[in-house]
Amino acid sequence: NPLLSLLQKWALLALSACSSLSCLCCLLGLLVAIGLTLGNQGQVLLAPCSIANSALAPVSRECPFDPTRVYVSAPWAGE
């Protein structure tokens, strides 16, 4: 059926355009995040971790991560 084939082509074009637009938005967001991080030398990332609670910083809610820890994602790392 030629009508179904034409409809499939338009649907594929529309989905492709939406996917491309979504990818472009994600890329722009990533570039903005990298630019802001490099612009302030990453100080905003460490701002919630105060010196007063440095012993509790990695486990407290004020510090989102432990900046002194080395994170390894290799499968053999747990052995």
N, C-alpha and C. Protein backbone atom coordinates (compact mmCIF):
# COMPACT_ATOMS: atom_id res chain seq x y z
N ASN A 1 0.84 -1.18 0.00
CA ASN A 1 0.00 0.00 0.00
C ASN A 1 0.89 1.25 0.00
N PRO A 2 0.82 2.08 -1.04
CA PRO A 2 1.68 3.26 -1.13
C PRO A 2 1.39 4.30 -0.04
N LEU A 3 0.14 4.37 0.40
CA LEU A 3 -0.21 5.34 1.45
C LEU A 3 0.47 4.97 2.76
N LEU A 4 0.50 3.68 3.09
CA LEU A 4 1.15 3.22 4.32
C LEU A 4 2.65 3.47 4.26
N SER A 5 3.24 3.23 3.09
CA SER A 5 4.67 3.46 2.92
C SER A 5 5.01 4.94 3.11
N LEU A 6 4.18 5.79 2.55
CA LEU A 6 4.40 7.24 2.69
C LEU A 6 4.23 7.68 4.15
N LEU A 7 3.23 7.11 4.81
CA LEU A 7 3.00 7.43 6.22
C LEU A 7 4.19 6.97 7.08
N GLN A 8 4.73 5.82 6.78
CA GLN A 8 5.89 5.31 7.52
C GLN A 8 7.10 6.22 7.31
N LYS A 9 7.29 6.69 6.10
CA LYS A 9 8.42 7.58 5.81
C LYS A 9 8.30 8.89 6.59
N TRP A 10 7.07 9.45 6.63
CA TRP A 10 6.87 10.69 7.36
C TRP A 10 7.03 10.48 8.87
N ALA A 11 6.55 9.34 9.36
CA ALA A 11 6.70 9.03 10.78
C ALA A 11 8.18 8.88 11.13
N LEU A 12 8.93 8.21 10.28
CA LEU A 12 10.36 8.05 10.51
C LEU A 12 11.07 9.40 10.48
N LEU A 13 10.68 10.26 9.55
CA LEU A 13 11.28 11.59 9.47
C LEU A 13 10.96 12.41 10.72
N ALA A 14 9.73 12.33 11.20
CA ALA A 14 9.34 13.07 12.39
C ALA A 14 10.07 12.56 13.63
N LEU A 15 10.16 11.24 13.78
CA LEU A 15 10.88 10.68 14.92
C LEU A 15 12.36 11.01 14.86
N SER A 16 12.93 10.99 13.67
CA SER A 16 14.33 11.33 13.50
C SER A 16 14.58 12.80 13.86
N ALA A 17 13.69 13.68 13.44
CA ALA A 17 13.83 15.10 13.76
C ALA A 17 13.71 15.33 15.26
N CYS A 18 12.76 14.66 15.91
CA CYS A 18 12.61 14.80 17.36
C CYS A 18 13.84 14.28 18.09
N SER A 19 14.36 13.17 17.64
CA SER A 19 15.56 12.60 18.25
C SER A 19 16.76 13.53 18.08
N SER A 20 16.90 14.10 16.90
CA SER A 20 18.01 15.03 16.65
C SER A 20 17.89 16.28 17.52
N LEU A 21 16.68 16.79 17.65
CA LEU A 21 16.46 17.98 18.48
C LEU A 21 16.75 17.68 19.95
N SER A 22 16.32 16.51 20.40
CA SER A 22 16.59 16.10 21.78
C SER A 22 18.09 15.96 22.02
N CYS A 23 18.78 15.36 21.08
CA CYS A 23 20.24 15.20 21.20
C CYS A 23 20.94 16.56 21.23
N LEU A 24 20.49 17.48 20.41
CA LEU A 24 21.07 18.82 20.38
C LEU A 24 20.85 19.54 21.71
N CYS A 25 19.67 19.40 22.29
CA CYS A 25 19.39 20.03 23.59
C CYS A 25 20.29 19.44 24.68
N CYS A 26 20.46 18.14 24.67
CA CYS A 26 21.33 17.50 25.66
C CYS A 26 22.78 17.96 25.49
N LEU A 27 23.22 18.06 24.26
CA LEU A 27 24.59 18.51 23.99
C LEU A 27 24.79 19.94 24.45
N LEU A 28 23.82 20.81 24.18
CA LEU A 28 23.93 22.19 24.63
C LEU A 28 23.93 22.29 26.16
N GLY A 29 23.09 21.49 26.81
CA GLY A 29 23.08 21.47 28.27
C GLY A 29 24.41 20.99 28.85
N LEU A 30 24.99 19.98 28.23
CA LEU A 30 26.29 19.49 28.68
C LEU A 30 27.37 20.55 28.50
N LEU A 31 27.35 21.22 27.37
CA LEU A 31 28.34 22.28 27.13
C LEU A 31 28.19 23.43 28.12
N VAL A 32 26.96 23.80 28.45
CA VAL A 32 26.73 24.85 29.44
C VAL A 32 27.24 24.41 30.81
N ALA A 33 26.96 23.17 31.20
CA ALA A 33 27.40 22.66 32.50
C ALA A 33 28.93 22.62 32.58
N ILE A 34 29.57 22.18 31.52
CA ILE A 34 31.04 22.14 31.50
C ILE A 34 31.60 23.56 31.54
N GLY A 35 30.99 24.46 30.78
CA GLY A 35 31.45 25.85 30.77
C GLY A 35 31.32 26.51 32.13
N LEU A 36 30.19 26.29 32.81
CA LEU A 36 30.00 26.87 34.14
C LEU A 36 30.98 26.27 35.15
N THR A 37 31.22 24.98 35.05
CA THR A 37 32.16 24.33 35.98
C THR A 37 33.58 24.83 35.76
N LEU A 38 33.99 24.94 34.51
CA LEU A 38 35.33 25.44 34.23
C LEU A 38 35.44 26.93 34.55
N GLY A 39 34.34 27.65 34.39
CA GLY A 39 34.35 29.09 34.64
C GLY A 39 34.59 29.44 36.10
N ASN A 40 34.14 28.60 37.02
CA ASN A 40 34.36 28.89 38.44
C ASN A 40 35.31 27.89 39.08
N GLN A 41 36.10 27.21 38.26
CA GLN A 41 37.10 26.22 38.69
C GLN A 41 36.51 25.14 39.60
N GLY A 42 35.25 24.80 39.44
CA GLY A 42 34.63 23.74 40.21
C GLY A 42 34.33 24.09 41.65
N GLN A 43 34.45 25.34 42.03
CA GLN A 43 34.24 25.73 43.42
C GLN A 43 32.80 25.54 43.87
N VAL A 44 31.85 25.67 42.95
CA VAL A 44 30.45 25.50 43.32
C VAL A 44 30.17 24.05 43.71
N LEU A 45 30.90 23.12 43.11
CA LEU A 45 30.71 21.71 43.45
C LEU A 45 31.11 21.42 44.88
N LEU A 46 32.15 22.10 45.36
CA LEU A 46 32.65 21.87 46.71
C LEU A 46 32.10 22.85 47.74
N ALA A 47 31.33 23.83 47.31
CA ALA A 47 30.82 24.85 48.22
C ALA A 47 29.99 24.28 49.37
N PRO A 48 29.11 23.29 49.16
CA PRO A 48 28.33 22.77 50.29
C PRO A 48 29.18 22.03 51.32
N CYS A 49 30.38 21.61 50.97
CA CYS A 49 31.24 20.87 51.90
C CYS A 49 32.03 21.88 52.72
N SER A 50 31.55 22.17 53.89
CA SER A 50 32.23 23.16 54.72
C SER A 50 33.42 22.52 55.44
N ILE A 51 34.37 23.35 55.84
CA ILE A 51 35.56 22.87 56.53
C ILE A 51 35.20 22.39 57.93
N ALA A 52 34.17 22.95 58.50
CA ALA A 52 33.79 22.60 59.87
C ALA A 52 33.39 21.13 59.99
N ASN A 53 32.78 20.59 58.96
CA ASN A 53 32.35 19.20 59.04
C ASN A 53 33.12 18.33 58.06
N SER A 54 34.42 18.57 57.92
CA SER A 54 35.22 17.84 56.94
C SER A 54 35.29 16.35 57.25
N ALA A 55 35.19 15.98 58.52
CA ALA A 55 35.22 14.55 58.85
C ALA A 55 33.93 13.86 58.44
N LEU A 56 32.82 14.60 58.48
CA LEU A 56 31.54 14.02 58.13
C LEU A 56 31.11 14.34 56.71
N ALA A 57 31.89 15.16 56.01
CA ALA A 57 31.49 15.64 54.70
C ALA A 57 31.14 14.53 53.72
N PRO A 58 31.92 13.46 53.60
CA PRO A 58 31.57 12.44 52.59
C PRO A 58 30.25 11.73 52.87
N VAL A 59 29.83 11.66 54.12
CA VAL A 59 28.60 10.94 54.44
C VAL A 59 27.44 11.87 54.78
N SER A 60 27.69 13.15 54.85
CA SER A 60 26.61 14.07 55.21
C SER A 60 25.83 14.46 53.97
N ARG A 61 24.63 15.01 54.19
CA ARG A 61 23.81 15.44 53.06
C ARG A 61 24.32 16.77 52.50
N GLU A 62 25.14 17.49 53.25
CA GLU A 62 25.64 18.77 52.74
C GLU A 62 26.65 18.58 51.63
N CYS A 63 27.35 17.45 51.63
CA CYS A 63 28.39 17.22 50.62
C CYS A 63 27.92 16.08 49.71
N PRO A 64 27.68 16.37 48.44
CA PRO A 64 27.13 15.35 47.56
C PRO A 64 28.08 14.22 47.21
N PHE A 65 29.37 14.41 47.40
CA PHE A 65 30.33 13.36 47.08
C PHE A 65 31.61 13.58 47.88
N ASP A 66 32.45 12.58 47.93
CA ASP A 66 33.72 12.67 48.62
C ASP A 66 34.79 13.03 47.61
N PRO A 67 35.30 14.28 47.61
CA PRO A 67 36.28 14.69 46.61
C PRO A 67 37.64 14.03 46.79
N THR A 68 37.87 13.37 47.92
CA THR A 68 39.16 12.73 48.15
C THR A 68 39.16 11.26 47.76
N ARG A 69 38.00 10.71 47.42
CA ARG A 69 37.90 9.29 47.11
C ARG A 69 38.15 9.04 45.62
N VAL A 70 38.83 7.94 45.33
CA VAL A 70 39.05 7.54 43.95
C VAL A 70 37.97 6.53 43.60
N TYR A 71 37.13 6.87 42.64
CA TYR A 71 36.04 6.00 42.23
C TYR A 71 36.52 5.11 41.08
N VAL A 72 36.33 3.80 41.25
CA VAL A 72 36.75 2.85 40.21
C VAL A 72 35.53 2.08 39.77
N SER A 73 35.37 1.95 38.45
CA SER A 73 34.21 1.23 37.93
C SER A 73 34.60 -0.08 37.25
N ALA A 74 35.83 -0.52 37.42
CA ALA A 74 36.26 -1.78 36.81
C ALA A 74 35.58 -2.96 37.51
N PRO A 75 35.24 -4.02 36.74
CA PRO A 75 34.55 -5.16 37.34
C PRO A 75 35.39 -5.90 38.39
N TRP A 76 36.70 -5.82 38.27
CA TRP A 76 37.58 -6.52 39.21
C TRP A 76 37.88 -5.69 40.45
N ALA A 77 37.37 -4.48 40.52
CA ALA A 77 37.71 -3.57 41.64
C ALA A 77 37.16 -4.06 42.98
N GLY A 78 36.07 -4.81 42.97
CA GLY A 78 35.48 -5.26 44.21
C GLY A 78 36.16 -6.48 44.80
N GLU A 79 37.07 -7.06 44.06
CA GLU A 79 37.73 -8.27 44.55
C GLU A 79 38.87 -7.96 45.49
